[in-house]
Amino acid sequence: MKRNKFFAKEILEFIVREDELGGGLYRSEILAVFAETYPNQNPAGLYDALSYHLNLLLSAGFVTVTSSDHDEENVQITWAGHDYIEASN
């Protein structure tokens, strides 16, 4: 799979927009919104693309991923992630 900078930035911007309390978002919440945003995409392919890009964002230090009490991954943007968005605008 190829990296898509637009998609990666879109993920970061979504986290900033929707994470009102600063506690992060569950991976399933992010996937649900992207499924609505891209209704013509195969759900399995969209999940794979989202997972791939979240892993890239994690390795770049733009997000942190922690397991919640519900065994679901919680995704939070980092300072570097905010800087990336600002530098990209």
PDB file of N, CA and C in Angstrom:
ATOM      1  N   MET A   1       0.844  -1.170   0.000  1.00  0.00           N
ATOM      2  CA  MET A   1       0.000   0.000   0.000  1.00  0.00           C
ATOM      3  C   MET A   1       0.894   1.239   0.000  1.00  0.00           C
ATOM      4  N   LYS A   2       0.470   2.246  -0.728  1.00  0.00           N
ATOM      5  CA  LYS A   2       1.222   3.495  -0.796  1.00  0.00           C
ATOM      6  C   LYS A   2       0.715   4.486   0.240  1.00  0.00           C
ATOM      7  N   ARG A   3       1.642   5.271   0.730  1.00  0.00           N
ATOM      8  CA  ARG A   3       1.289   6.346   1.652  1.00  0.00           C
ATOM      9  C   ARG A   3       0.519   7.422   0.897  1.00  0.00           C
ATOM     10  N   ASN A   4      -0.529   7.924   1.507  1.00  0.00           N
ATOM     11  CA  ASN A   4      -1.318   9.008   0.941  1.00  0.00           C
ATOM     12  C   ASN A   4      -1.302  10.144   1.961  1.00  0.00           C
ATOM     13  N   LYS A   5      -0.497  11.172   1.691  1.00  0.00           N
ATOM     14  CA  LYS A   5      -0.346  12.273   2.646  1.00  0.00           C
ATOM     15  C   LYS A   5      -1.669  12.992   2.897  1.00  0.00           C
ATOM     16  N   PHE A   6      -2.499  13.115   1.871  1.00  0.00           N
ATOM     17  CA  PHE A   6      -3.798  13.762   2.030  1.00  0.00           C
ATOM     18  C   PHE A   6      -4.655  12.983   3.027  1.00  0.00           C
ATOM     19  N   PHE A   7      -4.697  11.661   2.883  1.00  0.00           N
ATOM     20  CA  PHE A   7      -5.483  10.812   3.771  1.00  0.00           C
ATOM     21  C   PHE A   7      -4.944  10.878   5.197  1.00  0.00           C
ATOM     22  N   ALA A   8      -3.626  10.850   5.342  1.00  0.00           N
ATOM     23  CA  ALA A   8      -3.008  10.921   6.668  1.00  0.00           C
ATOM     24  C   ALA A   8      -3.343  12.249   7.347  1.00  0.00           C
ATOM     25  N   LYS A   9      -3.249  13.337   6.597  1.00  0.00           N
ATOM     26  CA  LYS A   9      -3.578  14.652   7.154  1.00  0.00           C
ATOM     27  C   LYS A   9      -5.062  14.730   7.486  1.00  0.00           C
ATOM     28  N   GLU A  10      -5.888  14.126   6.675  1.00  0.00           N
ATOM     29  CA  GLU A  10      -7.326  14.110   6.925  1.00  0.00           C
ATOM     30  C   GLU A  10      -7.640  13.387   8.240  1.00  0.00           C
ATOM     31  N   ILE A  11      -6.932  12.312   8.524  1.00  0.00           N
ATOM     32  CA  ILE A  11      -7.097  11.592   9.789  1.00  0.00           C
ATOM     33  C   ILE A  11      -6.732  12.507  10.956  1.00  0.00           C
ATOM     34  N   LEU A  12      -5.590  13.168  10.854  1.00  0.00           N
ATOM     35  CA  LEU A  12      -5.158  14.075  11.921  1.00  0.00           C
ATOM     36  C   LEU A  12      -6.166  15.201  12.131  1.00  0.00           C
ATOM     37  N   GLU A  13      -6.629  15.796  11.055  1.00  0.00           N
ATOM     38  CA  GLU A  13      -7.592  16.894  11.164  1.00  0.00           C
ATOM     39  C   GLU A  13      -8.905  16.419  11.777  1.00  0.00           C
ATOM     40  N   PHE A  14      -9.310  15.213  11.447  1.00  0.00           N
ATOM     41  CA  PHE A  14     -10.527  14.660  12.033  1.00  0.00           C
ATOM     42  C   PHE A  14     -10.371  14.483  13.539  1.00  0.00           C
ATOM     43  N   ILE A  15      -9.229  13.959  13.960  1.00  0.00           N
ATOM     44  CA  ILE A  15      -8.999  13.770  15.394  1.00  0.00           C
ATOM     45  C   ILE A  15      -9.066  15.102  16.124  1.00  0.00           C
ATOM     46  N   VAL A  16      -8.433  16.121  15.581  1.00  0.00           N
ATOM     47  CA  VAL A  16      -8.452  17.449  16.201  1.00  0.00           C
ATOM     48  C   VAL A  16      -9.885  17.982  16.279  1.00  0.00           C
ATOM     49  N   ARG A  17     -10.620  17.849  15.203  1.00  0.00           N
ATOM     50  CA  ARG A  17     -11.981  18.384  15.131  1.00  0.00           C
ATOM     51  C   ARG A  17     -12.942  17.670  16.085  1.00  0.00           C
ATOM     52  N   GLU A  18     -12.824  16.355  16.186  1.00  0.00           N
ATOM     53  CA  GLU A  18     -13.803  15.573  16.940  1.00  0.00           C
ATOM     54  C   GLU A  18     -13.420  15.301  18.396  1.00  0.00           C
ATOM     55  N   ASP A  19     -12.167  15.438  18.755  1.00  0.00           N
ATOM     56  CA  ASP A  19     -11.709  15.138  20.108  1.00  0.00           C
ATOM     57  C   ASP A  19     -11.865  16.378  20.984  1.00  0.00           C
ATOM     58  N   GLU A  20     -13.100  16.654  21.390  1.00  0.00           N
ATOM     59  CA  GLU A  20     -13.412  17.881  22.113  1.00  0.00           C
ATOM     60  C   GLU A  20     -12.799  17.931  23.513  1.00  0.00           C
ATOM     61  N   LEU A  21     -12.655  16.787  24.178  1.00  0.00           N
ATOM     62  CA  LEU A  21     -12.159  16.776  25.549  1.00  0.00           C
ATOM     63  C   LEU A  21     -10.677  16.440  25.655  1.00  0.00           C
ATOM     64  N   GLY A  22     -10.033  16.125  24.544  1.00  0.00           N
ATOM     65  CA  GLY A  22      -8.610  15.846  24.550  1.00  0.00           C
ATOM     66  C   GLY A  22      -8.234  14.441  24.984  1.00  0.00           C
ATOM     67  N   GLY A  23      -9.210  13.560  25.075  1.00  0.00           N
ATOM     68  CA  GLY A  23      -8.934  12.190  25.502  1.00  0.00           C
ATOM     69  C   GLY A  23      -8.712  11.217  24.370  1.00  0.00           C
ATOM     70  N   GLY A  24      -8.753  11.696  23.153  1.00  0.00           N
ATOM     71  CA  GLY A  24      -8.558  10.828  21.998  1.00  0.00           C
ATOM     72  C   GLY A  24      -9.864  10.264  21.479  1.00  0.00           C
ATOM     73  N   LEU A  25      -9.756   9.498  20.411  1.00  0.00           N
ATOM     74  CA  LEU A  25     -10.898   8.856  19.776  1.00  0.00           C
ATOM     75  C   LEU A  25     -10.600   7.378  19.604  1.00  0.00           C
ATOM     76  N   TYR A  26     -11.638   6.572  19.692  1.00  0.00           N
ATOM     77  CA  TYR A  26     -11.465   5.153  19.420  1.00  0.00           C
ATOM     78  C   TYR A  26     -11.289   4.938  17.928  1.00  0.00           C
ATOM     79  N   ARG A  27     -10.512   3.931  17.601  1.00  0.00           N
ATOM     80  CA  ARG A  27     -10.291   3.585  16.195  1.00  0.00           C
ATOM     81  C   ARG A  27     -11.627   3.365  15.486  1.00  0.00           C
ATOM     82  N   SER A  28     -12.581   2.726  16.158  1.00  0.00           N
ATOM     83  CA  SER A  28     -13.888   2.452  15.546  1.00  0.00           C
ATOM     84  C   SER A  28     -14.645   3.740  15.231  1.00  0.00           C
ATOM     85  N   GLU A  29     -14.480   4.775  16.055  1.00  0.00           N
ATOM     86  CA  GLU A  29     -15.123   6.067  15.785  1.00  0.00           C
ATOM     87  C   GLU A  29     -14.536   6.689  14.523  1.00  0.00           C
ATOM     88  N   ILE A  30     -13.230   6.618  14.408  1.00  0.00           N
ATOM     89  CA  ILE A  30     -12.562   7.172  13.227  1.00  0.00           C
ATOM     90  C   ILE A  30     -13.005   6.419  11.974  1.00  0.00           C
ATOM     91  N   LEU A  31     -13.037   5.095  12.054  1.00  0.00           N
ATOM     92  CA  LEU A  31     -13.443   4.283  10.916  1.00  0.00           C
ATOM     93  C   LEU A  31     -14.884   4.577  10.515  1.00  0.00           C
ATOM     94  N   ALA A  32     -15.784   4.734  11.478  1.00  0.00           N
ATOM     95  CA  ALA A  32     -17.192   4.989  11.169  1.00  0.00           C
ATOM     96  C   ALA A  32     -17.360   6.290  10.387  1.00  0.00           C
ATOM     97  N   VAL A  33     -16.633   7.323  10.785  1.00  0.00           N
ATOM     98  CA  VAL A  33     -16.741   8.602  10.084  1.00  0.00           C
ATOM     99  C   VAL A  33     -16.165   8.503   8.674  1.00  0.00           C
ATOM    100  N   PHE A  34     -15.046   7.803   8.534  1.00  0.00           N
ATOM    101  CA  PHE A  34     -14.464   7.667   7.198  1.00  0.00           C
ATOM    102  C   PHE A  34     -15.328   6.786   6.301  1.00  0.00           C
ATOM    103  N   ALA A  35     -16.038   5.831   6.882  1.00  0.00           N
ATOM    104  CA  ALA A  35     -16.972   5.013   6.099  1.00  0.00           C
ATOM    105  C   ALA A  35     -18.119   5.873   5.574  1.00  0.00           C
ATOM    106  N   GLU A  36     -18.564   6.842   6.378  1.00  0.00           N
ATOM    107  CA  GLU A  36     -19.597   7.779   5.924  1.00  0.00           C
ATOM    108  C   GLU A  36     -19.051   8.750   4.889  1.00  0.00           C
ATOM    109  N   THR A  37     -17.817   9.169   5.074  1.00  0.00           N
ATOM    110  CA  THR A  37     -17.189  10.130   4.160  1.00  0.00           C
ATOM    111  C   THR A  37     -16.909   9.507   2.798  1.00  0.00           C
ATOM    112  N   TYR A  38     -16.539   8.229   2.795  1.00  0.00           N
ATOM    113  CA  TYR A  38     -16.203   7.512   1.563  1.00  0.00           C
ATOM    114  C   TYR A  38     -17.125   6.305   1.399  1.00  0.00           C
ATOM    115  N   PRO A  39     -18.429   6.535   1.145  1.00  0.00           N
ATOM    116  CA  PRO A  39     -19.397   5.431   1.096  1.00  0.00           C
ATOM    117  C   PRO A  39     -19.176   4.449  -0.057  1.00  0.00           C
ATOM    118  N   ASN A  40     -18.479   4.864  -1.088  1.00  0.00           N
ATOM    119  CA  ASN A  40     -18.262   3.982  -2.237  1.00  0.00           C
ATOM    120  C   ASN A  40     -17.036   3.089  -2.093  1.00  0.00           C
ATOM    121  N   GLN A  41     -16.325   3.233  -0.987  1.00  0.00           N
ATOM    122  CA  GLN A  41     -15.128   2.415  -0.755  1.00  0.00           C
ATOM    123  C   GLN A  41     -15.510   1.086  -0.103  1.00  0.00           C
ATOM    124  N   ASN A  42     -14.789   0.061  -0.454  1.00  0.00           N
ATOM    125  CA  ASN A  42     -14.957  -1.241   0.181  1.00  0.00           C
ATOM    126  C   ASN A  42     -14.598  -1.094   1.658  1.00  0.00           C
ATOM    127  N   PRO A  43     -15.506  -1.490   2.582  1.00  0.00           N
ATOM    128  CA  PRO A  43     -15.222  -1.317   4.019  1.00  0.00           C
ATOM    129  C   PRO A  43     -13.922  -1.987   4.473  1.00  0.00           C
ATOM    130  N   ALA A  44     -13.626  -3.167   3.944  1.00  0.00           N
ATOM    131  CA  ALA A  44     -12.385  -3.855   4.329  1.00  0.00           C
ATOM    132  C   ALA A  44     -11.169  -3.073   3.833  1.00  0.00           C
ATOM    133  N   GLY A  45     -11.240  -2.551   2.622  1.00  0.00           N
ATOM    134  CA  GLY A  45     -10.143  -1.763   2.080  1.00  0.00           C
ATOM    135  C   GLY A  45      -9.957  -0.460   2.828  1.00  0.00           C
ATOM    136  N   LEU A  46     -11.067   0.152   3.238  1.00  0.00           N
ATOM    137  CA  LEU A  46     -10.997   1.391   4.002  1.00  0.00           C
ATOM    138  C   LEU A  46     -10.376   1.133   5.370  1.00  0.00           C
ATOM    139  N   TYR A  47     -10.755   0.027   6.010  1.00  0.00           N
ATOM    140  CA  TYR A  47     -10.171  -0.330   7.303  1.00  0.00           C
ATOM    141  C   TYR A  47      -8.666  -0.559   7.163  1.00  0.00           C
ATOM    142  N   ASP A  48      -8.269  -1.268   6.106  1.00  0.00           N
ATOM    143  CA  ASP A  48      -6.843  -1.518   5.878  1.00  0.00           C
ATOM    144  C   ASP A  48      -6.083  -0.216   5.662  1.00  0.00           C
ATOM    145  N   ALA A  49      -6.647   0.683   4.858  1.00  0.00           N
ATOM    146  CA  ALA A  49      -5.996   1.966   4.586  1.00  0.00           C
ATOM    147  C   ALA A  49      -5.903   2.803   5.861  1.00  0.00           C
ATOM    148  N   LEU A  50      -6.974   2.816   6.642  1.00  0.00           N
ATOM    149  CA  LEU A  50      -6.960   3.572   7.891  1.00  0.00           C
ATOM    150  C   LEU A  50      -5.923   2.999   8.857  1.00  0.00           C
ATOM    151  N   SER A  51      -5.888   1.687   8.994  1.00  0.00           N
ATOM    152  CA  SER A  51      -4.915   1.050   9.893  1.00  0.00           C
ATOM    153  C   SER A  51      -3.487   1.331   9.447  1.00  0.00           C
ATOM    154  N   TYR A  52      -3.247   1.218   8.154  1.00  0.00           N
ATOM    155  CA  TYR A  52      -1.913   1.472   7.609  1.00  0.00           C
ATOM    156  C   TYR A  52      -1.467   2.904   7.914  1.00  0.00           C
ATOM    157  N   HIS A  53      -2.363   3.859   7.663  1.00  0.00           N
ATOM    158  CA  HIS A  53      -2.004   5.256   7.868  1.00  0.00           C
ATOM    159  C   HIS A  53      -1.898   5.615   9.347  1.00  0.00           C
ATOM    160  N   LEU A  54      -2.712   5.008  10.190  1.00  0.00           N
ATOM    161  CA  LEU A  54      -2.551   5.226  11.629  1.00  0.00           C
ATOM    162  C   LEU A  54      -1.198   4.705  12.102  1.00  0.00           C
ATOM    163  N   ASN A  55      -0.766   3.564  11.569  1.00  0.00           N
ATOM    164  CA  ASN A  55       0.559   3.036  11.925  1.00  0.00           C
ATOM    165  C   ASN A  55       1.668   3.956  11.445  1.00  0.00           C
ATOM    166  N   LEU A  56       1.513   4.526  10.255  1.00  0.00           N
ATOM    167  CA  LEU A  56       2.503   5.490   9.763  1.00  0.00           C
ATOM    168  C   LEU A  56       2.529   6.737  10.649  1.00  0.00           C
ATOM    169  N   LEU A  57       1.345   7.224  11.016  1.00  0.00           N
ATOM    170  CA  LEU A  57       1.269   8.406  11.881  1.00  0.00           C
ATOM    171  C   LEU A  57       1.873   8.117  13.250  1.00  0.00           C
ATOM    172  N   LEU A  58       1.671   6.915  13.742  1.00  0.00           N
ATOM    173  CA  LEU A  58       2.262   6.505  15.019  1.00  0.00           C
ATOM    174  C   LEU A  58       3.785   6.454  14.916  1.00  0.00           C
ATOM    175  N   SER A  59       4.296   5.852  13.844  1.00  0.00           N
ATOM    176  CA  SER A  59       5.753   5.736  13.697  1.00  0.00           C
ATOM    177  C   SER A  59       6.418   7.096  13.485  1.00  0.00           C
ATOM    178  N   ALA A  60       5.663   8.055  12.941  1.00  0.00           N
ATOM    179  CA  ALA A  60       6.190   9.406  12.740  1.00  0.00           C
ATOM    180  C   ALA A  60       6.071  10.251  14.008  1.00  0.00           C
ATOM    181  N   GLY A  61       5.386   9.735  15.019  1.00  0.00           N
ATOM    182  CA  GLY A  61       5.215  10.474  16.258  1.00  0.00           C
ATOM    183  C   GLY A  61       4.079  11.484  16.226  1.00  0.00           C
ATOM    184  N   PHE A  62       3.181  11.367  15.242  1.00  0.00           N
ATOM    185  CA  PHE A  62       2.077  12.316  15.103  1.00  0.00           C
ATOM    186  C   PHE A  62       0.854  11.919  15.926  1.00  0.00           C
ATOM    187  N   VAL A  63       0.765  10.650  16.311  1.00  0.00           N
ATOM    188  CA  VAL A  63      -0.310  10.176  17.178  1.00  0.00           C
ATOM    189  C   VAL A  63       0.268   9.193  18.191  1.00  0.00           C
ATOM    190  N   THR A  64      -0.477   9.001  19.269  1.00  0.00           N
ATOM    191  CA  THR A  64      -0.199   7.907  20.196  1.00  0.00           C
ATOM    192  C   THR A  64      -1.404   6.988  20.154  1.00  0.00           C
ATOM    193  N   VAL A  65      -1.164   5.714  20.386  1.00  0.00           N
ATOM    194  CA  VAL A  65      -2.239   4.726  20.388  1.00  0.00           C
ATOM    195  C   VAL A  65      -2.112   3.921  21.673  1.00  0.00           C
ATOM    196  N   THR A  66      -3.186   3.915  22.445  1.00  0.00           N
ATOM    197  CA  THR A  66      -3.210   3.159  23.692  1.00  0.00           C
ATOM    198  C   THR A  66      -4.446   2.271  23.703  1.00  0.00           C
ATOM    199  N   SER A  67      -4.374   1.199  24.456  1.00  0.00           N
ATOM    200  CA  SER A  67      -5.532   0.321  24.613  1.00  0.00           C
ATOM    201  C   SER A  67      -6.409   0.856  25.726  1.00  0.00           C
ATOM    202  N   SER A  68      -7.706   0.805  25.498  1.00  0.00           N
ATOM    203  CA  SER A  68      -8.648   1.281  26.503  1.00  0.00           C
ATOM    204  C   SER A  68      -9.088   0.122  27.390  1.00  0.00           C
ATOM    205  N   ASP A  69      -9.935   0.424  28.344  1.00  0.00           N
ATOM    206  CA  ASP A  69     -10.499  -0.608  29.211  1.00  0.00           C
ATOM    207  C   ASP A  69     -11.365  -1.586  28.424  1.00  0.00           C
ATOM    208  N   HIS A  70     -11.805  -1.165  27.263  1.00  0.00           N
ATOM    209  CA  HIS A  70     -12.694  -1.980  26.431  1.00  0.00           C
ATOM    210  C   HIS A  70     -11.918  -2.768  25.378  1.00  0.00           C
ATOM    211  N   ASP A  71     -10.608  -2.864  25.529  1.00  0.00           N
ATOM    212  CA  ASP A  71      -9.742  -3.533  24.557  1.00  0.00           C
ATOM    213  C   ASP A  71      -9.851  -2.918  23.167  1.00  0.00           C
ATOM    214  N   GLU A  72     -10.116  -1.628  23.128  1.00  0.00           N
ATOM    215  CA  GLU A  72     -10.160  -0.921  21.856  1.00  0.00           C
ATOM    216  C   GLU A  72      -9.069   0.131  21.865  1.00  0.00           C
ATOM    217  N   GLU A  73      -8.466   0.363  20.714  1.00  0.00           N
ATOM    218  CA  GLU A  73      -7.373   1.327  20.634  1.00  0.00           C
ATOM    219  C   GLU A  73      -7.901   2.752  20.653  1.00  0.00           C
ATOM    220  N   ASN A  74      -7.282   3.571  21.473  1.00  0.00           N
ATOM    221  CA  ASN A  74      -7.604   4.977  21.582  1.00  0.00           C
ATOM    222  C   ASN A  74      -6.478   5.764  20.913  1.00  0.00           C
ATOM    223  N   VAL A  75      -6.841   6.666  20.010  1.00  0.00           N
ATOM    224  CA  VAL A  75      -5.873   7.415  19.220  1.00  0.00           C
ATOM    225  C   VAL A  75      -5.907   8.878  19.637  1.00  0.00           C
ATOM    226  N   GLN A  76      -4.742   9.417  19.991  1.00  0.00           N
ATOM    227  CA  GLN A  76      -4.616  10.826  20.360  1.00  0.00           C
ATOM    228  C   GLN A  76      -3.552  11.481  19.491  1.00  0.00           C
ATOM    229  N   ILE A  77      -3.801  12.725  19.130  1.00  0.00           N
ATOM    230  CA  ILE A  77      -2.810  13.476  18.355  1.00  0.00           C
ATOM    231  C   ILE A  77      -1.754  14.023  19.313  1.00  0.00           C
ATOM    232  N   THR A  78      -0.530  14.119  18.841  1.00  0.00           N
ATOM    233  CA  THR A  78       0.578  14.643  19.638  1.00  0.00           C
ATOM    234  C   THR A  78       0.880  16.091  19.229  1.00  0.00           C
ATOM    235  N   TRP A  79       1.793  16.685  19.963  1.00  0.00           N
ATOM    236  CA  TRP A  79       2.256  18.030  19.625  1.00  0.00           C
ATOM    237  C   TRP A  79       2.806  18.053  18.188  1.00  0.00           C
ATOM    238  N   ALA A  80       3.580  17.040  17.853  1.00  0.00           N
ATOM    239  CA  ALA A  80       4.151  16.949  16.505  1.00  0.00           C
ATOM    240  C   ALA A  80       3.052  16.822  15.452  1.00  0.00           C
ATOM    241  N   GLY A  81       1.971  16.123  15.784  1.00  0.00           N
ATOM    242  CA  GLY A  81       0.845  16.010  14.861  1.00  0.00           C
ATOM    243  C   GLY A  81       0.187  17.357  14.609  1.00  0.00           C
ATOM    244  N   HIS A  82       0.027  18.131  15.664  1.00  0.00           N
ATOM    245  CA  HIS A  82      -0.521  19.490  15.504  1.00  0.00           C
ATOM    246  C   HIS A  82       0.412  20.344  14.652  1.00  0.00           C
ATOM    247  N   ASP A  83       1.712  20.236  14.910  1.00  0.00           N
ATOM    248  CA  ASP A  83       2.697  20.986  14.118  1.00  0.00           C
ATOM    249  C   ASP A  83       2.617  20.607  12.639  1.00  0.00           C
ATOM    250  N   TYR A  84       2.440  19.307  12.362  1.00  0.00           N
ATOM    251  CA  TYR A  84       2.355  18.851  10.970  1.00  0.00           C
ATOM    252  C   TYR A  84       1.161  19.481  10.263  1.00  0.00           C
ATOM    253  N   ILE A  85       0.009  19.505  10.942  1.00  0.00           N
ATOM    254  CA  ILE A  85      -1.183  20.119  10.342  1.00  0.00           C
ATOM    255  C   ILE A  85      -0.926  21.585  10.051  1.00  0.00           C
ATOM    256  N   GLU A  86      -0.375  22.303  11.031  1.00  0.00           N
ATOM    257  CA  GLU A  86      -0.117  23.730  10.853  1.00  0.00           C
ATOM    258  C   GLU A  86       0.869  23.990   9.709  1.00  0.00           C
ATOM    259  N   ALA A  87       1.892  23.160   9.599  1.00  0.00           N
ATOM    260  CA  ALA A  87       2.891  23.348   8.548  1.00  0.00           C
ATOM    261  C   ALA A  87       2.339  23.005   7.164  1.00  0.00           C
ATOM    262  N   SER A  88       1.305  22.162   7.123  1.00  0.00           N
ATOM    263  CA  SER A  88       0.723  21.727   5.855  1.00  0.00           C
ATOM    264  C   SER A  88      -0.298  22.709   5.315  1.00  0.00           C
ATOM    265  N   ASN A  89      -0.741  23.648   6.131  1.00  0.00           N
ATOM    266  CA  ASN A  89      -1.766  24.606   5.686  1.00  0.00           C
ATOM    267  C   ASN A  89      -1.180  25.802   5.020  1.00  0.00           C
TER     268      ASN A  89
END
